[in-house]
Structures are given as structure tokens and as C-alpha cells.
Amino acid sequence: MACECIEILDAQLAERNSRLAVGFTFGTAERPGYVFPALSTEKIDKRNRDKVGAIPTFCPFCGVKYREDEAAATTGDDR
């Protein structure tokens, strides 16, 4: 994991009987998955069956990137 923000915030929220809702991505040997704070979305038009979720690639609390890009990992370039 790139940062410990989820654990830190969960420890603080536990004092108020709360914790962050989290999601995760599946990974592979080359690109490990990661855990992220869940960003809730809601449908605008209830008659439309489509609904999209949002998965952050950077920590919304500290800004650290969750995983390196494949190109950056091979070239050493971390944009």
C-alpha cells in the first residue's frame, strides 16, 4: 500500500464508532491490487439501469499515487 491514511483515519473514526467504507482492486503478480476509500455515486435518472462507480488512483487525503504506472516502473519516470 502506498500510504496509511485509511488505517490512520479508521483509528480516529473508531473513537466515534465509525470507519471508512473501502473498495479494492484485484491485482496480478506484475501489478498488485490496492485498497481505496469508496466514493459513493448515485443514479440521476432512476429509470436508466446504468450506474458507474469511481475508483481513485491517488489517495484523496494525502495525494500519494496508489500504484506506479507500468511505463514509469520500467523507465524510472514517475510523473
C-alpha atoms as a PDB file:
ATOM      1  CA  MET A   1       0.000   0.000   0.000  1.00  0.00           C
ATOM      2  CA  ALA A   2       1.259   3.451  -0.904  1.00  0.00           C
ATOM      3  CA  CYS A   3       0.121   5.226   2.288  1.00  0.00           C
ATOM      4  CA  GLU A   4      -1.517   4.504   5.636  1.00  0.00           C
ATOM      5  CA  CYS A   5      -4.244   7.151   5.504  1.00  0.00           C
ATOM      6  CA  ILE A   6      -7.104   4.624   5.655  1.00  0.00           C
ATOM      7  CA  GLU A   7      -5.682   2.985   8.785  1.00  0.00           C
ATOM      8  CA  ILE A   8      -4.978   6.344  10.435  1.00  0.00           C
ATOM      9  CA  LEU A   9      -8.458   7.695   9.708  1.00  0.00           C
ATOM     10  CA  ASP A  10     -10.111   4.439  10.772  1.00  0.00           C
ATOM     11  CA  ALA A  11      -8.303   4.639  14.112  1.00  0.00           C
ATOM     12  CA  GLN A  12      -9.561   8.196  14.624  1.00  0.00           C
ATOM     13  CA  LEU A  13     -13.087   7.353  13.469  1.00  0.00           C
ATOM     14  CA  ALA A  14     -13.233   4.294  15.753  1.00  0.00           C
ATOM     15  CA  GLU A  15     -13.491   6.692  18.698  1.00  0.00           C
ATOM     16  CA  ARG A  16     -16.880   7.676  17.216  1.00  0.00           C
ATOM     17  CA  ASN A  17     -17.959   4.130  16.295  1.00  0.00           C
ATOM     18  CA  SER A  18     -17.260   4.701  12.577  1.00  0.00           C
ATOM     19  CA  ARG A  19     -14.874   3.653   9.816  1.00  0.00           C
ATOM     20  CA  LEU A  20     -14.320   4.408   6.148  1.00  0.00           C
ATOM     21  CA  ALA A  21     -16.087   2.276   3.567  1.00  0.00           C
ATOM     22  CA  VAL A  22     -13.422   0.789   1.323  1.00  0.00           C
ATOM     23  CA  GLY A  23     -13.203  -0.947  -2.005  1.00  0.00           C
ATOM     24  CA  PHE A  24     -10.360  -2.861  -3.593  1.00  0.00           C
ATOM     25  CA  THR A  25      -8.946  -3.769  -6.959  1.00  0.00           C
ATOM     26  CA  PHE A  26      -7.737  -7.202  -7.939  1.00  0.00           C
ATOM     27  CA  GLY A  27      -4.112  -7.382  -8.916  1.00  0.00           C
ATOM     28  CA  THR A  28      -1.671  -9.585 -10.726  1.00  0.00           C
ATOM     29  CA  ALA A  29       1.898 -10.565  -9.977  1.00  0.00           C
ATOM     30  CA  GLU A  30       3.088  -7.615 -12.067  1.00  0.00           C
ATOM     31  CA  ARG A  31       0.517  -5.062 -10.868  1.00  0.00           C
ATOM     32  CA  PRO A  32      -0.694  -5.614  -7.318  1.00  0.00           C
ATOM     33  CA  GLY A  33      -4.199  -4.537  -6.366  1.00  0.00           C
ATOM     34  CA  TYR A  34      -4.901  -1.880  -3.771  1.00  0.00           C
ATOM     35  CA  VAL A  35      -7.474  -0.772  -1.213  1.00  0.00           C
ATOM     36  CA  PHE A  36      -9.093   2.656  -1.590  1.00  0.00           C
ATOM     37  CA  PRO A  37     -11.769   4.685   0.203  1.00  0.00           C
ATOM     38  CA  ALA A  38     -15.094   4.058  -1.506  1.00  0.00           C
ATOM     39  CA  LEU A  39     -16.551   7.039  -3.320  1.00  0.00           C
ATOM     40  CA  SER A  40     -20.307   6.679  -3.452  1.00  0.00           C
ATOM     41  CA  THR A  41     -22.262   7.554  -6.561  1.00  0.00           C
ATOM     42  CA  GLU A  42     -25.981   7.714  -7.135  1.00  0.00           C
ATOM     43  CA  LYS A  43     -28.154   7.372 -10.193  1.00  0.00           C
ATOM     44  CA  ILE A  44     -29.547  10.600 -11.614  1.00  0.00           C
ATOM     45  CA  ASP A  45     -32.276   9.013 -13.716  1.00  0.00           C
ATOM     46  CA  LYS A  46     -33.814   6.135 -11.734  1.00  0.00           C
ATOM     47  CA  ARG A  47     -35.337   4.658 -14.914  1.00  0.00           C
ATOM     48  CA  ASN A  48     -31.908   4.180 -16.519  1.00  0.00           C
ATOM     49  CA  ARG A  49     -30.248   0.940 -15.383  1.00  0.00           C
ATOM     50  CA  ASP A  50     -26.680   2.236 -15.804  1.00  0.00           C
ATOM     51  CA  LYS A  51     -24.635   3.338 -12.802  1.00  0.00           C
ATOM     52  CA  VAL A  52     -20.882   3.891 -12.692  1.00  0.00           C
ATOM     53  CA  GLY A  53     -18.552   3.731  -9.713  1.00  0.00           C
ATOM     54  CA  ALA A  54     -15.471   5.870  -9.143  1.00  0.00           C
ATOM     55  CA  ILE A  55     -12.099   4.342  -8.247  1.00  0.00           C
ATOM     56  CA  PRO A  56      -9.407   6.833  -7.220  1.00  0.00           C
ATOM     57  CA  THR A  57      -5.834   6.313  -8.414  1.00  0.00           C
ATOM     58  CA  PHE A  58      -4.428   8.755  -5.842  1.00  0.00           C
ATOM     59  CA  CYS A  59      -5.158   8.893  -2.106  1.00  0.00           C
ATOM     60  CA  PRO A  60      -7.788  11.640  -1.656  1.00  0.00           C
ATOM     61  CA  PHE A  61      -6.296  12.517   1.742  1.00  0.00           C
ATOM     62  CA  CYS A  62      -2.545  12.818   1.110  1.00  0.00           C
ATOM     63  CA  GLY A  63      -2.247  12.673  -2.699  1.00  0.00           C
ATOM     64  CA  VAL A  64       0.082   9.660  -2.906  1.00  0.00           C
ATOM     65  CA  LYS A  65      -0.380   7.566  -6.038  1.00  0.00           C
ATOM     66  CA  TYR A  66      -1.742   4.094  -5.210  1.00  0.00           C
ATOM     67  CA  ARG A  67       0.427   2.232  -7.731  1.00  0.00           C
ATOM     68  CA  GLU A  68       3.054   3.092 -10.298  1.00  0.00           C
ATOM     69  CA  ASP A  69       2.287   3.168 -13.989  1.00  0.00           C
ATOM     70  CA  GLU A  70       3.861   0.349 -15.950  1.00  0.00           C
ATOM     71  CA  ALA A  71       5.767   2.825 -18.125  1.00  0.00           C
ATOM     72  CA  ALA A  72       7.115   4.687 -15.089  1.00  0.00           C
ATOM     73  CA  ALA A  73       8.168   1.447 -13.431  1.00  0.00           C
ATOM     74  CA  THR A  74      10.232   0.399 -16.440  1.00  0.00           C
ATOM     75  CA  THR A  75      11.739   3.803 -17.291  1.00  0.00           C
ATOM     76  CA  GLY A  76      12.082   5.182 -13.779  1.00  0.00           C
ATOM     77  CA  ASP A  77       9.936   8.166 -14.789  1.00  0.00           C
ATOM     78  CA  ASP A  78       7.324   8.925 -12.072  1.00  0.00           C
ATOM     79  CA  ARG A  79       5.034  11.655 -13.386  1.00  0.00           C
END
